[in-house]
Amino acid sequence: MADLTVQDIKKLKDESKRGFKETIDLAISIQGLDVKKPENRMREAIRLPNKVKDAQVCFIVDGLYGIATETKFKVLSKNDLDFKKREGRNLARDSDFFAIESPLMPAAAKALGKYIGPRNKQMIPLLPTTKDLKPFLEGLDFTVQLNITKSPTVQIPIGKTTLKDEQILENYNYVLEKIKGKLESKKAQIKTIYIKTTMGKPMKVM
């Protein structure tokens, strides 16, 4: 089953050296999974063993506005949700996660849903009683979104090329085992697996 090695990762990096930190993506196609049935769709945040990227976060908050502005990220209040189409698209493009004070979730979903839905971006509720955002933010650097809703395929980042080869392999195996476990319960299985860097050619693993 899908034996990726450290040597494979080294080769992938060597063939795709660029002037910036590329992302390594895992692409999987699945057979035997009818995503037209709601019970077969999957949407879940997975925390990996090693850091995937420097996550970009957009806060939408009210009572937490003060501590949110102490971070380096974009902060919106409940009064900032009436934005134009271009603003919504840019926000969805530039942010990996949307951290939303829980009472504002319905309004945020209404304002942002049509922009972040197609991009598979995640909305995460924050308790109004939150005192320290640092642990929350650190966790997001390790988190990826599994999304199987419109087609039986997965494309998910497993790290930057700056990660050690062994760390990328560990993230790969972790994600793969998670997906395999979910598919077994639905009597589906993996058909093909590829990995690739942002600008590189895909490497077939299975």
N, C-alpha and C. Protein backbone atom coordinates (compact mmCIF):
# COMPACT_ATOMS: atom_id res chain seq x y z
N MET A 1 0.83 -1.21 0.00
CA MET A 1 0.00 0.00 0.00
C MET A 1 0.86 1.25 0.00
N ALA A 2 0.84 2.06 -0.97
CA ALA A 2 1.32 3.45 -0.98
C ALA A 2 2.59 3.68 -0.19
N ASP A 3 3.67 3.01 -0.57
CA ASP A 3 4.93 3.13 0.16
C ASP A 3 5.75 4.30 -0.36
N LEU A 4 5.60 5.44 0.27
CA LEU A 4 6.43 6.60 -0.02
C LEU A 4 7.67 6.52 0.85
N THR A 5 8.83 6.86 0.31
CA THR A 5 10.07 6.78 1.07
C THR A 5 10.72 8.16 1.18
N VAL A 6 11.68 8.25 2.08
CA VAL A 6 12.46 9.49 2.23
C VAL A 6 13.18 9.81 0.93
N GLN A 7 13.65 8.78 0.24
CA GLN A 7 14.34 8.98 -1.04
C GLN A 7 13.41 9.59 -2.08
N ASP A 8 12.15 9.18 -2.08
CA ASP A 8 11.16 9.77 -3.00
C ASP A 8 11.00 11.27 -2.73
N ILE A 9 10.94 11.62 -1.47
CA ILE A 9 10.76 13.03 -1.09
C ILE A 9 11.98 13.85 -1.48
N LYS A 10 13.16 13.29 -1.26
CA LYS A 10 14.40 13.97 -1.67
C LYS A 10 14.38 14.23 -3.18
N LYS A 11 13.97 13.23 -3.94
CA LYS A 11 13.92 13.35 -5.40
C LYS A 11 12.92 14.42 -5.81
N LEU A 12 11.77 14.44 -5.16
CA LEU A 12 10.74 15.43 -5.47
C LEU A 12 11.27 16.84 -5.24
N LYS A 13 11.96 17.04 -4.13
CA LYS A 13 12.53 18.35 -3.82
C LYS A 13 13.61 18.75 -4.84
N ASP A 14 14.47 17.79 -5.17
CA ASP A 14 15.58 18.08 -6.08
C ASP A 14 15.10 18.47 -7.48
N GLU A 15 13.97 17.88 -7.89
CA GLU A 15 13.45 18.15 -9.23
C GLU A 15 12.66 19.45 -9.30
N SER A 16 12.42 20.07 -8.16
CA SER A 16 11.55 21.24 -8.16
C SER A 16 12.08 22.34 -7.24
N LYS A 17 13.34 22.70 -7.42
CA LYS A 17 13.92 23.75 -6.60
C LYS A 17 13.57 25.12 -7.17
N ARG A 18 12.93 25.95 -6.37
CA ARG A 18 12.50 27.28 -6.79
C ARG A 18 13.06 28.33 -5.83
N GLY A 19 12.75 29.56 -6.12
CA GLY A 19 13.22 30.64 -5.28
C GLY A 19 12.29 30.97 -4.13
N PHE A 20 11.37 30.08 -3.80
CA PHE A 20 10.46 30.31 -2.68
C PHE A 20 10.13 28.97 -2.03
N LYS A 21 9.52 29.03 -0.86
CA LYS A 21 9.16 27.82 -0.14
C LYS A 21 7.90 27.20 -0.75
N GLU A 22 8.07 26.09 -1.43
CA GLU A 22 6.92 25.44 -2.05
C GLU A 22 6.18 24.54 -1.06
N THR A 23 4.92 24.34 -1.33
CA THR A 23 4.11 23.40 -0.56
C THR A 23 4.14 22.04 -1.23
N ILE A 24 4.15 20.98 -0.44
CA ILE A 24 4.02 19.63 -0.97
C ILE A 24 2.59 19.17 -0.72
N ASP A 25 1.90 18.84 -1.79
CA ASP A 25 0.50 18.42 -1.71
C ASP A 25 0.35 16.93 -1.93
N LEU A 26 -0.60 16.36 -1.23
CA LEU A 26 -1.00 14.97 -1.41
C LEU A 26 -2.32 14.96 -2.16
N ALA A 27 -2.38 14.23 -3.28
CA ALA A 27 -3.60 14.15 -4.09
C ALA A 27 -4.03 12.68 -4.17
N ILE A 28 -5.28 12.42 -3.81
CA ILE A 28 -5.80 11.06 -3.74
C ILE A 28 -7.12 10.97 -4.50
N SER A 29 -7.27 9.94 -5.30
CA SER A 29 -8.58 9.65 -5.91
C SER A 29 -9.12 8.38 -5.25
N ILE A 30 -10.43 8.36 -5.09
CA ILE A 30 -11.09 7.30 -4.32
C ILE A 30 -12.10 6.58 -5.19
N GLN A 31 -12.19 5.28 -5.04
CA GLN A 31 -13.20 4.51 -5.76
C GLN A 31 -14.19 3.89 -4.78
N GLY A 32 -15.42 3.79 -5.25
CA GLY A 32 -16.46 3.18 -4.43
C GLY A 32 -17.10 4.11 -3.43
N LEU A 33 -16.91 5.43 -3.62
CA LEU A 33 -17.49 6.40 -2.69
C LEU A 33 -18.46 7.30 -3.44
N ASP A 34 -19.74 7.16 -3.15
CA ASP A 34 -20.76 7.96 -3.81
C ASP A 34 -21.01 9.22 -2.99
N VAL A 35 -20.40 10.34 -3.43
CA VAL A 35 -20.51 11.57 -2.65
C VAL A 35 -21.86 12.28 -2.86
N LYS A 36 -22.69 11.71 -3.73
CA LYS A 36 -24.04 12.25 -3.87
C LYS A 36 -24.86 11.95 -2.61
N LYS A 37 -24.43 10.93 -1.89
CA LYS A 37 -25.09 10.59 -0.62
C LYS A 37 -24.44 11.39 0.50
N PRO A 38 -25.21 12.18 1.21
CA PRO A 38 -24.65 13.03 2.27
C PRO A 38 -23.82 12.27 3.29
N GLU A 39 -24.21 11.03 3.59
CA GLU A 39 -23.49 10.27 4.61
C GLU A 39 -22.08 9.88 4.18
N ASN A 40 -21.79 9.99 2.88
CA ASN A 40 -20.45 9.65 2.39
C ASN A 40 -19.52 10.85 2.29
N ARG A 41 -20.05 12.02 2.53
CA ARG A 41 -19.21 13.22 2.45
C ARG A 41 -18.40 13.40 3.74
N MET A 42 -17.22 13.95 3.59
CA MET A 42 -16.33 14.12 4.75
C MET A 42 -15.80 15.53 4.79
N ARG A 43 -15.83 16.09 5.95
CA ARG A 43 -15.28 17.44 6.17
C ARG A 43 -14.75 17.48 7.59
N GLU A 44 -13.45 17.54 7.71
CA GLU A 44 -12.86 17.44 9.05
C GLU A 44 -11.48 18.11 9.07
N ALA A 45 -11.18 18.76 10.17
CA ALA A 45 -9.85 19.32 10.38
C ALA A 45 -8.96 18.24 10.98
N ILE A 46 -7.76 18.09 10.42
CA ILE A 46 -6.81 17.09 10.90
C ILE A 46 -5.54 17.80 11.36
N ARG A 47 -5.14 17.52 12.58
CA ARG A 47 -3.89 18.11 13.10
C ARG A 47 -2.75 17.12 12.86
N LEU A 48 -1.74 17.55 12.13
CA LEU A 48 -0.63 16.69 11.75
C LEU A 48 0.49 16.74 12.79
N PRO A 49 1.39 15.77 12.77
CA PRO A 49 2.48 15.74 13.75
C PRO A 49 3.47 16.89 13.59
N ASN A 50 3.63 17.37 12.33
CA ASN A 50 4.62 18.40 12.06
C ASN A 50 3.97 19.61 11.39
N LYS A 51 4.58 20.77 11.58
CA LYS A 51 4.04 22.02 11.04
C LYS A 51 3.89 21.95 9.52
N VAL A 52 2.74 22.39 9.03
CA VAL A 52 2.45 22.35 7.60
C VAL A 52 2.79 23.69 6.94
N LYS A 53 2.41 24.78 7.59
CA LYS A 53 2.63 26.10 7.00
C LYS A 53 2.41 27.17 8.06
N ASP A 54 2.73 28.40 7.71
CA ASP A 54 2.39 29.54 8.56
C ASP A 54 0.97 29.97 8.21
N ALA A 55 0.04 29.52 9.00
CA ALA A 55 -1.38 29.75 8.69
C ALA A 55 -1.73 31.23 8.73
N GLN A 56 -2.53 31.66 7.77
CA GLN A 56 -3.06 33.02 7.73
C GLN A 56 -4.49 32.99 8.29
N VAL A 57 -4.73 33.81 9.29
CA VAL A 57 -6.00 33.77 10.03
C VAL A 57 -6.72 35.10 9.92
N CYS A 58 -8.02 35.02 9.78
CA CYS A 58 -8.86 36.22 9.86
C CYS A 58 -9.77 36.06 11.08
N PHE A 59 -9.68 36.99 12.00
CA PHE A 59 -10.54 36.98 13.18
C PHE A 59 -11.81 37.79 12.90
N ILE A 60 -12.93 37.25 13.33
CA ILE A 60 -14.20 37.99 13.32
C ILE A 60 -14.73 37.94 14.74
N VAL A 61 -14.62 39.05 15.45
CA VAL A 61 -14.82 39.03 16.90
C VAL A 61 -15.53 40.29 17.39
N ASP A 62 -15.96 40.19 18.63
CA ASP A 62 -16.63 41.31 19.30
C ASP A 62 -15.92 41.57 20.62
N GLY A 63 -16.25 40.78 21.63
CA GLY A 63 -15.60 40.93 22.92
C GLY A 63 -14.12 40.60 22.90
N LEU A 64 -13.69 39.79 21.95
CA LEU A 64 -12.28 39.40 21.84
C LEU A 64 -11.48 40.33 20.93
N TYR A 65 -12.09 41.42 20.52
CA TYR A 65 -11.43 42.31 19.55
C TYR A 65 -10.07 42.80 20.05
N GLY A 66 -10.00 43.13 21.32
CA GLY A 66 -8.76 43.67 21.88
C GLY A 66 -7.60 42.69 21.78
N ILE A 67 -7.80 41.45 22.24
CA ILE A 67 -6.68 40.49 22.21
C ILE A 67 -6.41 40.02 20.78
N ALA A 68 -7.41 40.04 19.93
CA ALA A 68 -7.19 39.64 18.54
C ALA A 68 -6.29 40.64 17.82
N THR A 69 -6.46 41.93 18.13
CA THR A 69 -5.64 42.96 17.48
C THR A 69 -4.18 42.92 17.95
N GLU A 70 -3.90 42.16 19.00
CA GLU A 70 -2.53 42.00 19.46
C GLU A 70 -1.77 40.98 18.63
N THR A 71 -2.47 40.24 17.78
CA THR A 71 -1.83 39.29 16.88
C THR A 71 -1.44 40.00 15.59
N LYS A 72 -0.77 39.28 14.70
CA LYS A 72 -0.34 39.87 13.43
C LYS A 72 -1.39 39.71 12.33
N PHE A 73 -2.56 39.18 12.69
CA PHE A 73 -3.54 38.82 11.67
C PHE A 73 -4.66 39.85 11.50
N LYS A 74 -5.40 39.67 10.42
CA LYS A 74 -6.52 40.57 10.11
C LYS A 74 -7.65 40.37 11.12
N VAL A 75 -8.24 41.46 11.57
CA VAL A 75 -9.31 41.40 12.55
C VAL A 75 -10.51 42.20 12.05
N LEU A 76 -11.67 41.56 12.04
CA LEU A 76 -12.91 42.22 11.68
C LEU A 76 -13.85 42.21 12.87
N SER A 77 -14.68 43.24 12.98
CA SER A 77 -15.71 43.27 14.01
C SER A 77 -17.03 42.84 13.39
N LYS A 78 -18.06 42.74 14.20
CA LYS A 78 -19.38 42.35 13.70
C LYS A 78 -19.94 43.40 12.74
N ASN A 79 -19.39 44.61 12.79
CA ASN A 79 -19.86 45.68 11.91
C ASN A 79 -19.14 45.70 10.56
N ASP A 80 -18.19 44.78 10.38
CA ASP A 80 -17.39 44.76 9.15
C ASP A 80 -17.83 43.67 8.16
N LEU A 81 -18.97 43.05 8.41
CA LEU A 81 -19.36 41.89 7.61
C LEU A 81 -20.19 42.26 6.37
N ASP A 82 -20.48 43.51 6.22
CA ASP A 82 -21.23 43.94 5.04
C ASP A 82 -20.24 44.44 3.99
N PHE A 83 -19.60 43.48 3.30
CA PHE A 83 -18.59 43.89 2.34
C PHE A 83 -18.98 43.51 0.92
N LYS A 84 -18.30 44.11 -0.03
CA LYS A 84 -18.59 43.87 -1.44
C LYS A 84 -18.01 42.54 -1.90
N LYS A 85 -18.44 42.11 -3.09
CA LYS A 85 -18.04 40.81 -3.62
C LYS A 85 -16.52 40.69 -3.72
N ARG A 86 -15.87 41.70 -4.23
CA ARG A 86 -14.41 41.63 -4.38
C ARG A 86 -13.73 41.49 -3.03
N GLU A 87 -14.22 42.22 -2.03
CA GLU A 87 -13.65 42.13 -0.68
C GLU A 87 -13.81 40.73 -0.12
N GLY A 88 -14.97 40.12 -0.33
CA GLY A 88 -15.22 38.77 0.14
C GLY A 88 -14.32 37.75 -0.52
N ARG A 89 -14.14 37.90 -1.83
CA ARG A 89 -13.27 36.98 -2.57
C ARG A 89 -11.82 37.11 -2.12
N ASN A 90 -11.36 38.34 -1.94
CA ASN A 90 -9.98 38.56 -1.51
C ASN A 90 -9.74 38.01 -0.11
N LEU A 91 -10.72 38.18 0.74
CA LEU A 91 -10.62 37.68 2.11
C LEU A 91 -10.53 36.15 2.11
N ALA A 92 -11.35 35.51 1.30
CA ALA A 92 -11.34 34.05 1.20
C ALA A 92 -10.03 33.54 0.60
N ARG A 93 -9.49 34.29 -0.33
CA ARG A 93 -8.23 33.90 -0.96
C ARG A 93 -7.05 34.02 0.00
N ASP A 94 -7.03 35.08 0.78
CA ASP A 94 -5.84 35.41 1.57
C ASP A 94 -5.80 34.75 2.95
N SER A 95 -6.91 34.20 3.41
CA SER A 95 -6.97 33.61 4.76
C SER A 95 -7.14 32.09 4.68
N ASP A 96 -6.39 31.38 5.52
CA ASP A 96 -6.52 29.92 5.58
C ASP A 96 -7.64 29.50 6.53
N PHE A 97 -7.78 30.26 7.62
CA PHE A 97 -8.78 29.95 8.63
C PHE A 97 -9.52 31.23 9.04
N PHE A 98 -10.77 31.06 9.44
CA PHE A 98 -11.56 32.16 9.95
C PHE A 98 -11.94 31.82 11.39
N ALA A 99 -11.34 32.57 12.32
CA ALA A 99 -11.59 32.37 13.74
C ALA A 99 -12.69 33.33 14.18
N ILE A 100 -13.81 32.76 14.58
CA ILE A 100 -15.02 33.58 14.77
C ILE A 100 -15.57 33.41 16.18
N GLU A 101 -15.78 34.52 16.84
CA GLU A 101 -16.40 34.48 18.17
C GLU A 101 -17.76 33.81 18.03
N SER A 102 -18.01 32.80 18.85
CA SER A 102 -19.15 31.90 18.63
C SER A 102 -20.50 32.59 18.45
N PRO A 103 -20.84 33.65 19.18
CA PRO A 103 -22.14 34.30 18.93
C PRO A 103 -22.26 34.91 17.52
N LEU A 104 -21.11 35.15 16.87
CA LEU A 104 -21.12 35.77 15.54
C LEU A 104 -21.11 34.75 14.41
N MET A 105 -21.09 33.47 14.72
CA MET A 105 -21.00 32.43 13.69
C MET A 105 -22.12 32.52 12.66
N PRO A 106 -23.39 32.66 13.05
CA PRO A 106 -24.46 32.73 12.03
C PRO A 106 -24.29 33.89 11.06
N ALA A 107 -23.97 35.08 11.58
CA ALA A 107 -23.79 36.26 10.72
C ALA A 107 -22.57 36.09 9.82
N ALA A 108 -21.50 35.52 10.36
CA ALA A 108 -20.28 35.32 9.58
C ALA A 108 -20.51 34.30 8.47
N ALA A 109 -21.24 33.23 8.80
CA ALA A 109 -21.53 32.20 7.80
C ALA A 109 -22.37 32.77 6.66
N LYS A 110 -23.30 33.61 6.99
CA LYS A 110 -24.15 34.23 5.97
C LYS A 110 -23.34 35.15 5.07
N ALA A 111 -22.42 35.90 5.66
CA ALA A 111 -21.64 36.87 4.89
C ALA A 111 -20.52 36.21 4.09
N LEU A 112 -19.92 35.14 4.63
CA LEU A 112 -18.72 34.57 4.04
C LEU A 112 -18.91 33.24 3.32
N GLY A 113 -20.01 32.56 3.64
CA GLY A 113 -20.19 31.20 3.14
C GLY A 113 -19.96 31.02 1.65
N LYS A 114 -20.50 31.90 0.85
CA LYS A 114 -20.40 31.75 -0.61
C LYS A 114 -18.99 32.00 -1.13
N TYR A 115 -18.15 32.63 -0.30
CA TYR A 115 -16.77 32.90 -0.73
C TYR A 115 -15.80 31.82 -0.24
N ILE A 116 -15.97 31.39 1.00
CA ILE A 116 -15.01 30.44 1.54
C ILE A 116 -15.40 28.99 1.27
N GLY A 117 -16.70 28.75 1.00
CA GLY A 117 -17.14 27.38 0.70
C GLY A 117 -16.40 26.76 -0.47
N PRO A 118 -16.37 27.41 -1.63
CA PRO A 118 -15.66 26.84 -2.78
C PRO A 118 -14.17 26.65 -2.56
N ARG A 119 -13.60 27.37 -1.61
CA ARG A 119 -12.16 27.26 -1.33
C ARG A 119 -11.87 26.31 -0.18
N ASN A 120 -12.91 25.69 0.37
CA ASN A 120 -12.74 24.73 1.47
C ASN A 120 -12.04 25.33 2.69
N LYS A 121 -12.31 26.60 2.95
CA LYS A 121 -11.73 27.24 4.12
C LYS A 121 -12.60 26.97 5.34
N GLN A 122 -11.96 26.92 6.50
CA GLN A 122 -12.65 26.51 7.71
C GLN A 122 -13.02 27.69 8.60
N MET A 123 -14.23 27.64 9.16
CA MET A 123 -14.67 28.60 10.15
C MET A 123 -14.59 27.93 11.52
N ILE A 124 -13.84 28.54 12.44
CA ILE A 124 -13.60 27.94 13.75
C ILE A 124 -14.18 28.84 14.83
N PRO A 125 -15.09 28.31 15.65
CA PRO A 125 -15.68 29.14 16.72
C PRO A 125 -14.70 29.37 17.86
N LEU A 126 -14.73 30.58 18.40
CA LEU A 126 -13.93 30.94 19.57
C LEU A 126 -14.87 31.30 20.71
N LEU A 127 -14.62 30.76 21.89
CA LEU A 127 -15.43 31.12 23.04
C LEU A 127 -15.17 32.58 23.43
N PRO A 128 -16.22 33.32 23.76
CA PRO A 128 -16.03 34.72 24.17
C PRO A 128 -15.18 34.85 25.43
N THR A 129 -15.03 33.75 26.18
CA THR A 129 -14.24 33.78 27.42
C THR A 129 -12.76 33.48 27.18
N THR A 130 -12.35 33.30 25.92
CA THR A 130 -10.96 32.99 25.61
C THR A 130 -10.04 34.11 26.12
N LYS A 131 -8.97 33.71 26.82
CA LYS A 131 -8.04 34.69 27.40
C LYS A 131 -6.72 34.77 26.64
N ASP A 132 -6.31 33.67 26.01
CA ASP A 132 -5.01 33.62 25.34
C ASP A 132 -5.17 32.94 23.98
N LEU A 133 -4.82 33.63 22.92
CA LEU A 133 -4.98 33.09 21.56
C LEU A 133 -3.75 32.34 21.07
N LYS A 134 -2.65 32.41 21.79
CA LYS A 134 -1.40 31.82 21.32
C LYS A 134 -1.51 30.31 21.09
N PRO A 135 -2.04 29.53 22.05
CA PRO A 135 -2.14 28.07 21.82
C PRO A 135 -3.04 27.74 20.63
N PHE A 136 -4.11 28.50 20.46
CA PHE A 136 -5.02 28.30 19.33
C PHE A 136 -4.29 28.55 18.01
N LEU A 137 -3.55 29.63 17.93
CA LEU A 137 -2.86 29.98 16.70
C LEU A 137 -1.75 28.99 16.36
N GLU A 138 -1.03 28.54 17.36
CA GLU A 138 0.05 27.57 17.13
C GLU A 138 -0.51 26.27 16.55
N GLY A 139 -1.68 25.86 17.00
CA GLY A 139 -2.30 24.63 16.50
C GLY A 139 -2.67 24.72 15.03
N LEU A 140 -3.04 25.89 14.57
CA LEU A 140 -3.46 26.05 13.18
C LEU A 140 -2.32 25.82 12.19
N ASP A 141 -1.09 26.05 12.60
CA ASP A 141 0.06 25.82 11.73
C ASP A 141 0.23 24.33 11.41
N PHE A 142 -0.38 23.48 12.23
CA PHE A 142 -0.28 22.04 12.07
C PHE A 142 -1.55 21.43 11.47
N THR A 143 -2.55 22.26 11.20
CA THR A 143 -3.88 21.77 10.84
C THR A 143 -4.17 21.87 9.35
N VAL A 144 -4.74 20.79 8.79
CA VAL A 144 -5.18 20.78 7.39
C VAL A 144 -6.66 20.39 7.36
N GLN A 145 -7.30 20.71 6.25
CA GLN A 145 -8.73 20.45 6.12
C GLN A 145 -8.98 19.31 5.14
N LEU A 146 -9.56 18.23 5.64
CA LEU A 146 -10.00 17.14 4.77
C LEU A 146 -11.39 17.48 4.27
N ASN A 147 -11.56 17.51 2.96
CA ASN A 147 -12.84 17.89 2.39
C ASN A 147 -13.17 17.00 1.20
N ILE A 148 -14.12 16.10 1.39
CA ILE A 148 -14.59 15.23 0.30
C ILE A 148 -16.10 15.43 0.22
N THR A 149 -16.51 16.33 -0.67
CA THR A 149 -17.93 16.67 -0.75
C THR A 149 -18.47 16.63 -2.18
N LYS A 150 -17.75 17.24 -3.12
CA LYS A 150 -18.27 17.35 -4.48
C LYS A 150 -17.77 16.24 -5.40
N SER A 151 -16.59 15.69 -5.11
CA SER A 151 -16.05 14.60 -5.91
C SER A 151 -15.22 13.69 -5.00
N PRO A 152 -15.06 12.42 -5.37
CA PRO A 152 -14.31 11.47 -4.51
C PRO A 152 -12.80 11.65 -4.66
N THR A 153 -12.34 12.84 -4.35
CA THR A 153 -10.91 13.15 -4.43
C THR A 153 -10.49 13.96 -3.22
N VAL A 154 -9.18 13.92 -2.95
CA VAL A 154 -8.60 14.69 -1.85
C VAL A 154 -7.37 15.40 -2.36
N GLN A 155 -7.23 16.67 -2.04
CA GLN A 155 -5.96 17.38 -2.24
C GLN A 155 -5.66 18.13 -0.96
N ILE A 156 -4.54 17.79 -0.34
CA ILE A 156 -4.28 18.30 0.99
C ILE A 156 -2.78 18.56 1.15
N PRO A 157 -2.39 19.70 1.72
CA PRO A 157 -0.97 19.98 1.92
C PRO A 157 -0.41 19.15 3.07
N ILE A 158 0.83 18.68 2.93
CA ILE A 158 1.45 17.89 4.00
C ILE A 158 2.75 18.53 4.48
N GLY A 159 3.07 19.73 4.01
CA GLY A 159 4.24 20.43 4.51
C GLY A 159 4.89 21.30 3.45
N LYS A 160 5.84 22.09 3.90
CA LYS A 160 6.65 22.90 3.01
C LYS A 160 7.93 22.15 2.66
N THR A 161 8.55 22.54 1.56
CA THR A 161 9.79 21.88 1.16
C THR A 161 10.91 22.13 2.16
N THR A 162 10.74 23.09 3.04
CA THR A 162 11.74 23.38 4.07
C THR A 162 11.68 22.40 5.23
N LEU A 163 10.60 21.63 5.33
CA LEU A 163 10.53 20.60 6.36
C LEU A 163 11.54 19.50 6.08
N LYS A 164 11.99 18.83 7.12
CA LYS A 164 12.85 17.67 6.94
C LYS A 164 12.10 16.58 6.19
N ASP A 165 12.81 15.81 5.39
CA ASP A 165 12.18 14.75 4.61
C ASP A 165 11.41 13.79 5.51
N GLU A 166 11.99 13.47 6.66
CA GLU A 166 11.35 12.54 7.59
C GLU A 166 10.05 13.11 8.16
N GLN A 167 10.01 14.42 8.35
CA GLN A 167 8.79 15.06 8.87
C GLN A 167 7.68 15.06 7.83
N ILE A 168 8.05 15.29 6.56
CA ILE A 168 7.06 15.23 5.48
C ILE A 168 6.50 13.82 5.37
N LEU A 169 7.38 12.83 5.47
CA LEU A 169 6.94 11.44 5.40
C LEU A 169 6.00 11.10 6.57
N GLU A 170 6.32 11.62 7.74
CA GLU A 170 5.46 11.37 8.91
C GLU A 170 4.08 11.99 8.71
N ASN A 171 4.03 13.21 8.18
CA ASN A 171 2.75 13.85 7.90
C ASN A 171 1.96 13.07 6.85
N TYR A 172 2.66 12.62 5.81
CA TYR A 172 2.03 11.83 4.74
C TYR A 172 1.38 10.57 5.31
N ASN A 173 2.13 9.83 6.10
CA ASN A 173 1.61 8.58 6.65
C ASN A 173 0.44 8.83 7.61
N TYR A 174 0.51 9.93 8.35
CA TYR A 174 -0.54 10.26 9.30
C TYR A 174 -1.86 10.55 8.57
N VAL A 175 -1.78 11.41 7.54
CA VAL A 175 -2.98 11.74 6.76
C VAL A 175 -3.54 10.50 6.08
N LEU A 176 -2.66 9.70 5.50
CA LEU A 176 -3.10 8.52 4.76
C LEU A 176 -3.85 7.54 5.67
N GLU A 177 -3.33 7.32 6.86
CA GLU A 177 -3.99 6.39 7.79
C GLU A 177 -5.35 6.93 8.22
N LYS A 178 -5.44 8.24 8.41
CA LYS A 178 -6.72 8.86 8.77
C LYS A 178 -7.76 8.63 7.67
N ILE A 179 -7.35 8.87 6.43
CA ILE A 179 -8.27 8.73 5.30
C ILE A 179 -8.65 7.28 5.09
N LYS A 180 -7.68 6.38 5.18
CA LYS A 180 -7.96 4.95 5.01
C LYS A 180 -8.99 4.47 6.03
N GLY A 181 -8.84 4.92 7.27
CA GLY A 181 -9.78 4.51 8.31
C GLY A 181 -11.19 4.97 8.03
N LYS A 182 -11.32 6.19 7.51
CA LYS A 182 -12.65 6.71 7.19
C LYS A 182 -13.27 5.97 6.00
N LEU A 183 -12.44 5.63 5.02
CA LEU A 183 -12.96 4.96 3.82
C LEU A 183 -13.37 3.53 4.11
N GLU A 184 -12.65 2.86 4.98
CA GLU A 184 -13.00 1.48 5.34
C GLU A 184 -14.40 1.39 5.91
N SER A 185 -14.77 2.39 6.71
CA SER A 185 -16.11 2.38 7.31
C SER A 185 -17.20 2.62 6.27
N LYS A 186 -16.82 3.15 5.12
CA LYS A 186 -17.78 3.43 4.04
C LYS A 186 -17.62 2.45 2.87
N LYS A 187 -16.80 1.43 3.09
CA LYS A 187 -16.57 0.38 2.09
C LYS A 187 -16.06 0.97 0.76
N ALA A 188 -15.19 1.95 0.89
CA ALA A 188 -14.54 2.56 -0.28
C ALA A 188 -13.04 2.38 -0.12
N GLN A 189 -12.29 2.66 -1.18
CA GLN A 189 -10.85 2.50 -1.08
C GLN A 189 -10.11 3.49 -1.98
N ILE A 190 -8.83 3.65 -1.69
CA ILE A 190 -8.00 4.56 -2.45
C ILE A 190 -7.64 3.94 -3.80
N LYS A 191 -7.76 4.73 -4.84
CA LYS A 191 -7.46 4.28 -6.20
C LYS A 191 -6.06 4.70 -6.63
N THR A 192 -5.76 5.99 -6.51
CA THR A 192 -4.43 6.49 -6.87
C THR A 192 -3.96 7.51 -5.85
N ILE A 193 -2.63 7.65 -5.75
CA ILE A 193 -2.02 8.64 -4.87
C ILE A 193 -0.88 9.32 -5.61
N TYR A 194 -0.86 10.64 -5.55
CA TYR A 194 0.24 11.42 -6.10
C TYR A 194 0.70 12.42 -5.06
N ILE A 195 1.98 12.80 -5.12
CA ILE A 195 2.44 13.96 -4.37
C ILE A 195 3.14 14.89 -5.34
N LYS A 196 3.09 16.18 -5.04
CA LYS A 196 3.72 17.16 -5.91
C LYS A 196 4.04 18.43 -5.13
N THR A 197 5.03 19.15 -5.62
CA THR A 197 5.30 20.47 -5.08
C THR A 197 4.46 21.49 -5.85
N THR A 198 4.41 22.71 -5.35
CA THR A 198 3.57 23.75 -5.95
C THR A 198 3.79 23.88 -7.45
N MET A 199 5.05 23.94 -7.87
CA MET A 199 5.37 24.16 -9.28
C MET A 199 5.94 22.91 -9.97
N GLY A 200 6.04 21.82 -9.24
CA GLY A 200 6.68 20.62 -9.80
C GLY A 200 5.70 19.66 -10.45
N LYS A 201 6.28 18.63 -11.07
CA LYS A 201 5.47 17.60 -11.71
C LYS A 201 4.99 16.60 -10.65
N PRO A 202 3.78 16.05 -10.80
CA PRO A 202 3.29 15.04 -9.85
C PRO A 202 4.14 13.78 -9.86
N MET A 203 4.32 13.19 -8.70
CA MET A 203 5.00 11.91 -8.57
C MET A 203 3.98 10.86 -8.13
N LYS A 204 3.83 9.81 -8.89
CA LYS A 204 2.86 8.78 -8.56
C LYS A 204 3.41 7.87 -7.47
N VAL A 205 2.63 7.70 -6.43
CA VAL A 205 3.02 6.81 -5.32
C VAL A 205 2.27 5.48 -5.43
N MET A 206 1.05 5.58 -5.94
CA MET A 206 0.21 4.37 -6.08
C MET A 206 -0.73 4.56 -7.25
